[in-house]
Amino acid sequence: MSTSALHNPHLDGRPFFLEGGPVGVLLCHGFTATTVEVRDLAERLHAHGYTVSGPLLPGHGTTPEEMNRTRWREWLAHVEGEYHRLATLCDQVFVGGESTGAIIGLYLASRYHAIKGVLAYAPAIKLNIRPFDLVKLYLAAPFLLAVPKGSLDVGGRWQGYPVNPLKATIQLLRFQRVVRRRLGHIHQPVLVVQGRLDTTVHPSAGEIIRAGVISRITEQHWMGESSHVVLLDREIEAITDLTLAFLRRVRGGEWRGASSE
């Protein structure tokens, strides 16, 4: 892994596989980030007996130039391979992740009905971007490599590119549209967790997902003190508790579906 282009290059953003019990959880990081984004939750779930996989998306953890050369289908194919690996080792598999990782999980659930449930943290199904800025993005992408991020949420604990590679951003926007069209194929239970202080993902993201899926069981929670990277922010213990409770209920077939505001 190249570290020269990364914010916090000293952190360990390599892919990981934490072998545990017969229930697997696939956690994918978000756009421009690395596995640092999901490692904390992964280790907490592993401590409770889960087998957890954290793949590193193609083009991530290297350079923005390399990320601009990747396509959303490459991101998806890589994570899909990790899902198949977990499915051969575990009796049940849950999928999801942070931001872009969350919508990759949604796509997988729409395709593989054996997936037990989806864990969607700050799901990037819709970005909080103005139409005018969207036009500027498409106009600039052929000429500019990347643009600096305005700020970095939980910057002291996050690893990734401090810029948004423009061609890769367009790939994300295309992937969003694909996932939205596939929501109606998702029947599995879905957990959505969003931060009230998130300025990256549109506040309606969770409701878009819950309205689009055909799942009988959906659950949404708002974290009042968390920003976009909810899995590295100050409410990770509460999110872990919500996640463990969700996993137990789905595995046990018990449910009292709820939406927490």
C-alpha atoms as a PDB file:
ATOM      1  CA  MET A   1       0.000   0.000   0.000  1.00  0.00           C
ATOM      2  CA  SER A   2       1.318   3.445  -0.916  1.00  0.00           C
ATOM      3  CA  THR A   3       1.015   5.934   1.924  1.00  0.00           C
ATOM      4  CA  SER A   4       2.347   9.177   0.441  1.00  0.00           C
ATOM      5  CA  ALA A   5      -1.077  10.349  -0.729  1.00  0.00           C
ATOM      6  CA  LEU A   6      -2.947   9.372   2.432  1.00  0.00           C
ATOM      7  CA  HIS A   7      -4.123  11.358   5.395  1.00  0.00           C
ATOM      8  CA  ASN A   8      -2.811   9.569   8.510  1.00  0.00           C
ATOM      9  CA  PRO A   9      -0.486   7.226   6.574  1.00  0.00           C
ATOM     10  CA  HIS A  10       0.720   5.642   9.828  1.00  0.00           C
ATOM     11  CA  LEU A  11      -2.628   3.916  10.414  1.00  0.00           C
ATOM     12  CA  ASP A  12      -3.139   0.327   9.247  1.00  0.00           C
ATOM     13  CA  GLY A  13      -5.560   0.451   6.336  1.00  0.00           C
ATOM     14  CA  ARG A  14      -4.816  -2.973   4.899  1.00  0.00           C
ATOM     15  CA  PRO A  15      -7.561  -5.525   4.239  1.00  0.00           C
ATOM     16  CA  PHE A  16      -8.268  -7.774   7.185  1.00  0.00           C
ATOM     17  CA  PHE A  17      -9.989 -11.039   8.004  1.00  0.00           C
ATOM     18  CA  LEU A  18     -10.916 -11.800  11.613  1.00  0.00           C
ATOM     19  CA  GLU A  19     -11.835 -15.453  11.957  1.00  0.00           C
ATOM     20  CA  GLY A  20     -14.521 -16.211  14.511  1.00  0.00           C
ATOM     21  CA  GLY A  21     -17.721 -18.199  14.645  1.00  0.00           C
ATOM     22  CA  PRO A  22     -20.188 -19.442  12.010  1.00  0.00           C
ATOM     23  CA  VAL A  23     -21.821 -16.057  11.399  1.00  0.00           C
ATOM     24  CA  GLY A  24     -19.910 -13.772   9.047  1.00  0.00           C
ATOM     25  CA  VAL A  25     -20.051  -9.994   8.628  1.00  0.00           C
ATOM     26  CA  LEU A  26     -18.655  -8.251   5.566  1.00  0.00           C
ATOM     27  CA  LEU A  27     -17.810  -4.607   6.332  1.00  0.00           C
ATOM     28  CA  CYS A  28     -16.693  -2.350   3.493  1.00  0.00           C
ATOM     29  CA  HIS A  29     -15.208   1.121   3.907  1.00  0.00           C
ATOM     30  CA  GLY A  30     -16.320   4.239   2.081  1.00  0.00           C
ATOM     31  CA  PHE A  31     -15.241   6.376  -0.869  1.00  0.00           C
ATOM     32  CA  THR A  32     -11.569   7.528  -0.715  1.00  0.00           C
ATOM     33  CA  ALA A  33     -11.118   5.809   2.673  1.00  0.00           C
ATOM     34  CA  THR A  34      -9.424   2.594   3.807  1.00  0.00           C
ATOM     35  CA  THR A  35     -10.324  -0.251   6.134  1.00  0.00           C
ATOM     36  CA  VAL A  36      -9.445   1.963   9.108  1.00  0.00           C
ATOM     37  CA  GLU A  37     -12.985   3.265   8.723  1.00  0.00           C
ATOM     38  CA  VAL A  38     -14.576  -0.071   9.673  1.00  0.00           C
ATOM     39  CA  ARG A  39     -11.869  -1.799  11.710  1.00  0.00           C
ATOM     40  CA  ASP A  40     -13.074  -0.580  15.123  1.00  0.00           C
ATOM     41  CA  LEU A  41     -16.570  -1.984  14.636  1.00  0.00           C
ATOM     42  CA  ALA A  42     -15.119  -5.139  13.083  1.00  0.00           C
ATOM     43  CA  GLU A  43     -12.969  -5.824  16.134  1.00  0.00           C
ATOM     44  CA  ARG A  44     -15.914  -5.200  18.447  1.00  0.00           C
ATOM     45  CA  LEU A  45     -18.071  -7.679  16.499  1.00  0.00           C
ATOM     46  CA  HIS A  46     -15.226 -10.183  16.398  1.00  0.00           C
ATOM     47  CA  ALA A  47     -14.965  -9.975  20.184  1.00  0.00           C
ATOM     48  CA  HIS A  48     -18.574 -11.219  20.266  1.00  0.00           C
ATOM     49  CA  GLY A  49     -17.752 -14.242  18.135  1.00  0.00           C
ATOM     50  CA  TYR A  50     -18.405 -13.026  14.592  1.00  0.00           C
ATOM     51  CA  THR A  51     -16.136 -13.714  11.637  1.00  0.00           C
ATOM     52  CA  VAL A  52     -15.486 -10.346   9.998  1.00  0.00           C
ATOM     53  CA  SER A  53     -13.987  -9.464   6.623  1.00  0.00           C
ATOM     54  CA  GLY A  54     -12.784  -5.969   5.732  1.00  0.00           C
ATOM     55  CA  PRO A  55     -11.726  -5.705   2.070  1.00  0.00           C
ATOM     56  CA  LEU A  56      -9.859  -2.730   0.606  1.00  0.00           C
ATOM     57  CA  LEU A  57     -11.539  -1.350  -2.506  1.00  0.00           C
ATOM     58  CA  PRO A  58      -9.507  -1.120  -5.734  1.00  0.00           C
ATOM     59  CA  GLY A  59      -7.924   2.293  -6.167  1.00  0.00           C
ATOM     60  CA  HIS A  60      -8.019   2.991  -2.448  1.00  0.00           C
ATOM     61  CA  GLY A  61      -5.011   3.170  -0.164  1.00  0.00           C
ATOM     62  CA  THR A  62      -2.757   4.039  -3.114  1.00  0.00           C
ATOM     63  CA  THR A  63      -3.122   7.347  -4.985  1.00  0.00           C
ATOM     64  CA  PRO A  64      -5.987   9.513  -6.259  1.00  0.00           C
ATOM     65  CA  GLU A  65      -4.623   8.958  -9.770  1.00  0.00           C
ATOM     66  CA  GLU A  66      -5.081   5.223  -9.439  1.00  0.00           C
ATOM     67  CA  MET A  67      -8.530   5.654  -7.950  1.00  0.00           C
ATOM     68  CA  ASN A  68      -9.557   7.706 -10.982  1.00  0.00           C
ATOM     69  CA  ARG A  69      -8.645   4.728 -13.168  1.00  0.00           C
ATOM     70  CA  THR A  70     -11.056   2.391 -11.364  1.00  0.00           C
ATOM     71  CA  ARG A  71     -14.724   1.820 -12.096  1.00  0.00           C
ATOM     72  CA  TRP A  72     -17.582   1.030  -9.782  1.00  0.00           C
ATOM     73  CA  ARG A  73     -17.862  -2.474 -11.225  1.00  0.00           C
ATOM     74  CA  GLU A  74     -14.315  -3.156 -10.032  1.00  0.00           C
ATOM     75  CA  TRP A  75     -15.192  -2.048  -6.498  1.00  0.00           C
ATOM     76  CA  LEU A  76     -18.252  -4.274  -6.563  1.00  0.00           C
ATOM     77  CA  ALA A  77     -16.479  -7.306  -8.018  1.00  0.00           C
ATOM     78  CA  HIS A  78     -13.783  -7.165  -5.359  1.00  0.00           C
ATOM     79  CA  VAL A  79     -16.260  -7.056  -2.482  1.00  0.00           C
ATOM     80  CA  GLU A  80     -18.379  -9.715  -4.169  1.00  0.00           C
ATOM     81  CA  GLY A  81     -15.363 -12.011  -4.064  1.00  0.00           C
ATOM     82  CA  GLU A  82     -15.059 -11.452  -0.319  1.00  0.00           C
ATOM     83  CA  TYR A  83     -18.750 -12.240   0.103  1.00  0.00           C
ATOM     84  CA  HIS A  84     -18.269 -15.594  -1.651  1.00  0.00           C
ATOM     85  CA  ARG A  85     -15.292 -16.307   0.603  1.00  0.00           C
ATOM     86  CA  LEU A  86     -17.369 -15.663   3.715  1.00  0.00           C
ATOM     87  CA  ALA A  87     -20.302 -17.648   2.331  1.00  0.00           C
ATOM     88  CA  THR A  88     -18.112 -20.741   1.995  1.00  0.00           C
ATOM     89  CA  LEU A  89     -16.828 -20.431   5.571  1.00  0.00           C
ATOM     90  CA  CYS A  90     -19.931 -19.259   7.457  1.00  0.00           C
ATOM     91  CA  ASP A  91     -23.481 -20.500   7.892  1.00  0.00           C
ATOM     92  CA  GLN A  92     -24.927 -16.987   7.702  1.00  0.00           C
ATOM     93  CA  VAL A  93     -23.521 -13.760   6.234  1.00  0.00           C
ATOM     94  CA  PHE A  94     -24.456 -10.129   6.834  1.00  0.00           C
ATOM     95  CA  VAL A  95     -23.113  -7.412   4.523  1.00  0.00           C
ATOM     96  CA  GLY A  96     -22.697  -3.656   4.697  1.00  0.00           C
ATOM     97  CA  GLY A  97     -20.337  -0.921   5.679  1.00  0.00           C
ATOM     98  CA  GLU A  98     -19.771   2.802   5.858  1.00  0.00           C
ATOM     99  CA  SER A  99     -21.059   5.216   3.184  1.00  0.00           C
ATOM    100  CA  THR A 100     -20.171   3.728  -0.229  1.00  0.00           C
ATOM    101  CA  GLY A 101     -19.514   0.447   1.549  1.00  0.00           C
ATOM    102  CA  ALA A 102     -23.119   0.483   2.730  1.00  0.00           C
ATOM    103  CA  ILE A 103     -24.545   0.775  -0.776  1.00  0.00           C
ATOM    104  CA  ILE A 104     -22.212  -1.948  -2.008  1.00  0.00           C
ATOM    105  CA  GLY A 105     -23.801  -4.088   0.687  1.00  0.00           C
ATOM    106  CA  LEU A 106     -27.256  -3.136  -0.552  1.00  0.00           C
ATOM    107  CA  TYR A 107     -26.343  -4.125  -4.084  1.00  0.00           C
ATOM    108  CA  LEU A 108     -25.043  -7.502  -2.918  1.00  0.00           C
ATOM    109  CA  ALA A 109     -28.237  -8.121  -0.954  1.00  0.00           C
ATOM    110  CA  SER A 110     -30.269  -7.344  -4.076  1.00  0.00           C
ATOM    111  CA  ARG A 111     -28.372 -10.024  -5.972  1.00  0.00           C
ATOM    112  CA  TYR A 112     -27.744 -12.724  -3.369  1.00  0.00           C
ATOM    113  CA  HIS A 113     -30.881 -13.589  -1.466  1.00  0.00           C
ATOM    114  CA  ALA A 114     -28.970 -15.914   0.855  1.00  0.00           C
ATOM    115  CA  ILE A 115     -27.496 -12.820   2.532  1.00  0.00           C
ATOM    116  CA  LYS A 116     -29.029 -12.600   5.988  1.00  0.00           C
ATOM    117  CA  GLY A 117     -29.193  -8.816   6.443  1.00  0.00           C
ATOM    118  CA  VAL A 118     -27.680  -5.424   5.597  1.00  0.00           C
ATOM    119  CA  LEU A 119     -25.788  -3.044   7.889  1.00  0.00           C
ATOM    120  CA  ALA A 120     -25.922   0.443   6.329  1.00  0.00           C
ATOM    121  CA  TYR A 121     -23.930   3.129   8.151  1.00  0.00           C
ATOM    122  CA  ALA A 122     -24.250   6.618   6.631  1.00  0.00           C
ATOM    123  CA  PRO A 123     -25.369   5.001   3.351  1.00  0.00           C
ATOM    124  CA  ALA A 124     -24.279   7.072   0.354  1.00  0.00           C
ATOM    125  CA  ILE A 125     -27.423   6.423  -1.683  1.00  0.00           C
ATOM    126  CA  LYS A 126     -27.777  10.201  -2.121  1.00  0.00           C
ATOM    127  CA  LEU A 127     -25.107  12.832  -1.564  1.00  0.00           C
ATOM    128  CA  ASN A 128     -25.726  16.231  -0.045  1.00  0.00           C
ATOM    129  CA  ILE A 129     -24.645  18.091  -3.184  1.00  0.00           C
ATOM    130  CA  ARG A 130     -26.304  21.024  -4.932  1.00  0.00           C
ATOM    131  CA  PRO A 131     -27.332  20.657  -8.610  1.00  0.00           C
ATOM    132  CA  PHE A 132     -25.026  23.551  -9.559  1.00  0.00           C
ATOM    133  CA  ASP A 133     -22.056  21.834  -7.936  1.00  0.00           C
ATOM    134  CA  LEU A 134     -22.982  18.602  -9.690  1.00  0.00           C
ATOM    135  CA  VAL A 135     -22.807  20.353 -13.062  1.00  0.00           C
ATOM    136  CA  LYS A 136     -19.400  21.796 -12.162  1.00  0.00           C
ATOM    137  CA  LEU A 137     -18.191  18.325 -11.220  1.00  0.00           C
ATOM    138  CA  TYR A 138     -19.055  16.855 -14.615  1.00  0.00           C
ATOM    139  CA  LEU A 139     -17.527  19.815 -16.443  1.00  0.00           C
ATOM    140  CA  ALA A 140     -14.288  19.714 -14.459  1.00  0.00           C
ATOM    141  CA  ALA A 141     -13.710  15.947 -14.389  1.00  0.00           C
ATOM    142  CA  PRO A 142     -12.015  15.701 -17.824  1.00  0.00           C
ATOM    143  CA  PHE A 143      -9.484  18.372 -16.839  1.00  0.00           C
ATOM    144  CA  LEU A 144      -8.886  18.126 -13.080  1.00  0.00           C
ATOM    145  CA  LEU A 145      -7.520  15.160 -11.154  1.00  0.00           C
ATOM    146  CA  ALA A 146      -9.209  15.972  -7.846  1.00  0.00           C
ATOM    147  CA  VAL A 147     -10.494  18.725  -5.596  1.00  0.00           C
ATOM    148  CA  PRO A 148      -9.583  19.160  -1.919  1.00  0.00           C
ATOM    149  CA  LYS A 149     -12.163  18.119   0.649  1.00  0.00           C
ATOM    150  CA  GLY A 150     -13.618  20.987   2.636  1.00  0.00           C
ATOM    151  CA  SER A 151     -13.033  19.129   5.891  1.00  0.00           C
ATOM    152  CA  LEU A 152     -12.253  15.674   7.229  1.00  0.00           C
ATOM    153  CA  ASP A 153     -14.699  14.193   9.723  1.00  0.00           C
ATOM    154  CA  VAL A 154     -12.924  12.620  12.702  1.00  0.00           C
ATOM    155  CA  GLY A 155      -9.690  13.522  10.906  1.00  0.00           C
ATOM    156  CA  GLY A 156      -7.455  12.314  13.702  1.00  0.00           C
ATOM    157  CA  ARG A 157      -8.718   8.724  13.365  1.00  0.00           C
ATOM    158  CA  TRP A 158      -9.578   8.540   9.656  1.00  0.00           C
ATOM    159  CA  GLN A 159      -7.319   7.377   6.833  1.00  0.00           C
ATOM    160  CA  GLY A 160      -7.779   8.116   3.150  1.00  0.00           C
ATOM    161  CA  TYR A 161      -7.325  10.698   0.453  1.00  0.00           C
ATOM    162  CA  PRO A 162      -7.774  14.323   1.561  1.00  0.00           C
ATOM    163  CA  VAL A 163      -9.135  15.021  -1.930  1.00  0.00           C
ATOM    164  CA  ASN A 164     -12.049  13.765  -4.017  1.00  0.00           C
ATOM    165  CA  PRO A 165     -10.817  12.259  -7.311  1.00  0.00           C
ATOM    166  CA  LEU A 166     -13.313  13.615  -9.840  1.00  0.00           C
ATOM    167  CA  LYS A 167     -13.584  10.748 -12.296  1.00  0.00           C
ATOM    168  CA  ALA A 168     -14.007   8.327  -9.408  1.00  0.00           C
ATOM    169  CA  THR A 169     -16.693  10.590  -7.945  1.00  0.00           C
ATOM    170  CA  ILE A 170     -18.647  10.263 -11.180  1.00  0.00           C
ATOM    171  CA  GLN A 171     -18.324   6.491 -10.853  1.00  0.00           C
ATOM    172  CA  LEU A 172     -19.875   6.745  -7.395  1.00  0.00           C
ATOM    173  CA  LEU A 173     -22.769   8.792  -8.760  1.00  0.00           C
ATOM    174  CA  ARG A 174     -23.378   6.183 -11.450  1.00  0.00           C
ATOM    175  CA  PHE A 175     -23.279   3.408  -8.884  1.00  0.00           C
ATOM    176  CA  GLN A 176     -25.801   5.253  -6.718  1.00  0.00           C
ATOM    177  CA  ARG A 177     -28.292   5.226  -9.586  1.00  0.00           C
ATOM    178  CA  VAL A 178     -27.737   1.511 -10.147  1.00  0.00           C
ATOM    179  CA  VAL A 179     -28.319   0.698  -6.482  1.00  0.00           C
ATOM    180  CA  ARG A 180     -31.447   2.823  -6.274  1.00  0.00           C
ATOM    181  CA  ARG A 181     -32.935   0.894  -9.184  1.00  0.00           C
ATOM    182  CA  ARG A 182     -32.219  -2.378  -7.373  1.00  0.00           C
ATOM    183  CA  LEU A 183     -33.696  -1.515  -3.982  1.00  0.00           C
ATOM    184  CA  GLY A 184     -36.928  -3.292  -4.884  1.00  0.00           C
ATOM    185  CA  HIS A 185     -35.020  -6.589  -5.051  1.00  0.00           C
ATOM    186  CA  ILE A 186     -33.933  -6.394  -1.403  1.00  0.00           C
ATOM    187  CA  HIS A 187     -36.030  -8.485   0.971  1.00  0.00           C
ATOM    188  CA  GLN A 188     -33.543  -8.914   3.834  1.00  0.00           C
ATOM    189  CA  PRO A 189     -33.679  -6.985   7.120  1.00  0.00           C
ATOM    190  CA  VAL A 190     -31.906  -3.639   6.853  1.00  0.00           C
ATOM    191  CA  LEU A 191     -30.292  -1.572   9.602  1.00  0.00           C
ATOM    192  CA  VAL A 192     -29.634   2.104   8.803  1.00  0.00           C
ATOM    193  CA  VAL A 193     -27.536   4.326  11.065  1.00  0.00           C
ATOM    194  CA  GLN A 194     -27.013   8.019  10.246  1.00  0.00           C
ATOM    195  CA  GLY A 195     -25.302  10.897  12.007  1.00  0.00           C
ATOM    196  CA  ARG A 196     -27.200  14.112  12.646  1.00  0.00           C
ATOM    197  CA  LEU A 197     -24.003  16.066  11.919  1.00  0.00           C
ATOM    198  CA  ASP A 198     -23.405  14.377   8.558  1.00  0.00           C
ATOM    199  CA  THR A 199     -22.897  16.957   5.792  1.00  0.00           C
ATOM    200  CA  THR A 200     -21.822  14.414   3.147  1.00  0.00           C
ATOM    201  CA  VAL A 201     -24.843  12.138   2.772  1.00  0.00           C
ATOM    202  CA  HIS A 202     -28.303  13.653   2.304  1.00  0.00           C
ATOM    203  CA  PRO A 203     -30.533  13.307   5.395  1.00  0.00           C
ATOM    204  CA  SER A 204     -33.155  11.493   3.297  1.00  0.00           C
ATOM    205  CA  ALA A 205     -30.796   8.589   2.509  1.00  0.00           C
ATOM    206  CA  GLY A 206     -32.243   6.260   5.110  1.00  0.00           C
ATOM    207  CA  GLU A 207     -35.816   6.931   4.107  1.00  0.00           C
ATOM    208  CA  ILE A 208     -34.964   6.414   0.428  1.00  0.00           C
ATOM    209  CA  ILE A 209     -33.652   2.973   1.310  1.00  0.00           C
ATOM    210  CA  ARG A 210     -36.508   2.023   3.621  1.00  0.00           C
ATOM    211  CA  ALA A 211     -39.110   3.178   1.081  1.00  0.00           C
ATOM    212  CA  GLY A 212     -37.406   1.349  -1.776  1.00  0.00           C
ATOM    213  CA  VAL A 213     -36.709  -2.087  -0.327  1.00  0.00           C
ATOM    214  CA  ILE A 214     -39.355  -4.775   0.021  1.00  0.00           C
ATOM    215  CA  SER A 215     -37.956  -5.873   3.361  1.00  0.00           C
ATOM    216  CA  ARG A 216     -40.517  -6.553   6.055  1.00  0.00           C
ATOM    217  CA  ILE A 217     -37.924  -5.561   8.625  1.00  0.00           C
ATOM    218  CA  THR A 218     -36.141  -2.205   8.518  1.00  0.00           C
ATOM    219  CA  GLU A 219     -34.665  -0.201  11.344  1.00  0.00           C
ATOM    220  CA  GLN A 220     -33.247   3.315  11.352  1.00  0.00           C
ATOM    221  CA  HIS A 221     -31.310   5.122  14.066  1.00  0.00           C
ATOM    222  CA  TRP A 222     -30.073   8.707  14.219  1.00  0.00           C
ATOM    223  CA  MET A 223     -26.904   9.421  16.185  1.00  0.00           C
ATOM    224  CA  GLY A 224     -27.181  12.941  17.549  1.00  0.00           C
ATOM    225  CA  GLU A 225     -23.474  13.606  18.097  1.00  0.00           C
ATOM    226  CA  SER A 226     -21.982  11.870  15.051  1.00  0.00           C
ATOM    227  CA  SER A 227     -20.786  13.159  11.686  1.00  0.00           C
ATOM    228  CA  HIS A 228     -20.545  11.275   8.397  1.00  0.00           C
ATOM    229  CA  VAL A 229     -18.001   8.695   9.518  1.00  0.00           C
ATOM    230  CA  VAL A 230     -20.263   7.354  12.245  1.00  0.00           C
ATOM    231  CA  LEU A 231     -18.096   4.271  12.784  1.00  0.00           C
ATOM    232  CA  LEU A 232     -15.174   6.402  13.961  1.00  0.00           C
ATOM    233  CA  ASP A 233     -17.118   9.042  15.832  1.00  0.00           C
ATOM    234  CA  ARG A 234     -17.973   9.411  19.502  1.00  0.00           C
ATOM    235  CA  GLU A 235     -21.060   7.162  19.486  1.00  0.00           C
ATOM    236  CA  ILE A 236     -19.379   3.974  18.286  1.00  0.00           C
ATOM    237  CA  GLU A 237     -20.239   2.119  21.489  1.00  0.00           C
ATOM    238  CA  ALA A 238     -23.947   2.860  21.048  1.00  0.00           C
ATOM    239  CA  ILE A 239     -23.717   1.873  17.364  1.00  0.00           C
ATOM    240  CA  THR A 240     -22.029  -1.375  18.335  1.00  0.00           C
ATOM    241  CA  ASP A 241     -24.836  -2.144  20.780  1.00  0.00           C
ATOM    242  CA  LEU A 242     -27.470  -1.374  18.110  1.00  0.00           C
ATOM    243  CA  THR A 243     -25.633  -3.574  15.621  1.00  0.00           C
ATOM    244  CA  LEU A 244     -25.285  -6.515  17.995  1.00  0.00           C
ATOM    245  CA  ALA A 245     -28.955  -6.283  18.948  1.00  0.00           C
ATOM    246  CA  PHE A 246     -29.952  -6.186  15.261  1.00  0.00           C
ATOM    247  CA  LEU A 247     -27.788  -9.207  14.457  1.00  0.00           C
ATOM    248  CA  ARG A 248     -29.227 -11.181  17.383  1.00  0.00           C
ATOM    249  CA  ARG A 249     -32.821 -10.378  16.444  1.00  0.00           C
ATOM    250  CA  VAL A 250     -32.386 -11.291  12.795  1.00  0.00           C
ATOM    251  CA  ARG A 251     -30.522 -14.490  13.612  1.00  0.00           C
ATOM    252  CA  GLY A 252     -33.128 -15.481  16.177  1.00  0.00           C
ATOM    253  CA  GLY A 253     -36.099 -14.633  13.998  1.00  0.00           C
ATOM    254  CA  GLU A 254     -37.410 -12.225  16.624  1.00  0.00           C
ATOM    255  CA  TRP A 255     -38.415  -8.706  15.647  1.00  0.00           C
ATOM    256  CA  ARG A 256     -40.257  -5.657  16.837  1.00  0.00           C
ATOM    257  CA  GLY A 257     -39.292  -3.411  13.918  1.00  0.00           C
ATOM    258  CA  ALA A 258     -38.512   0.136  14.999  1.00  0.00           C
ATOM    259  CA  SER A 259     -37.448   3.510  13.694  1.00  0.00           C
ATOM    260  CA  SER A 260     -35.445   5.596  16.145  1.00  0.00           C
ATOM    261  CA  GLU A 261     -35.309   9.334  15.619  1.00  0.00           C
END
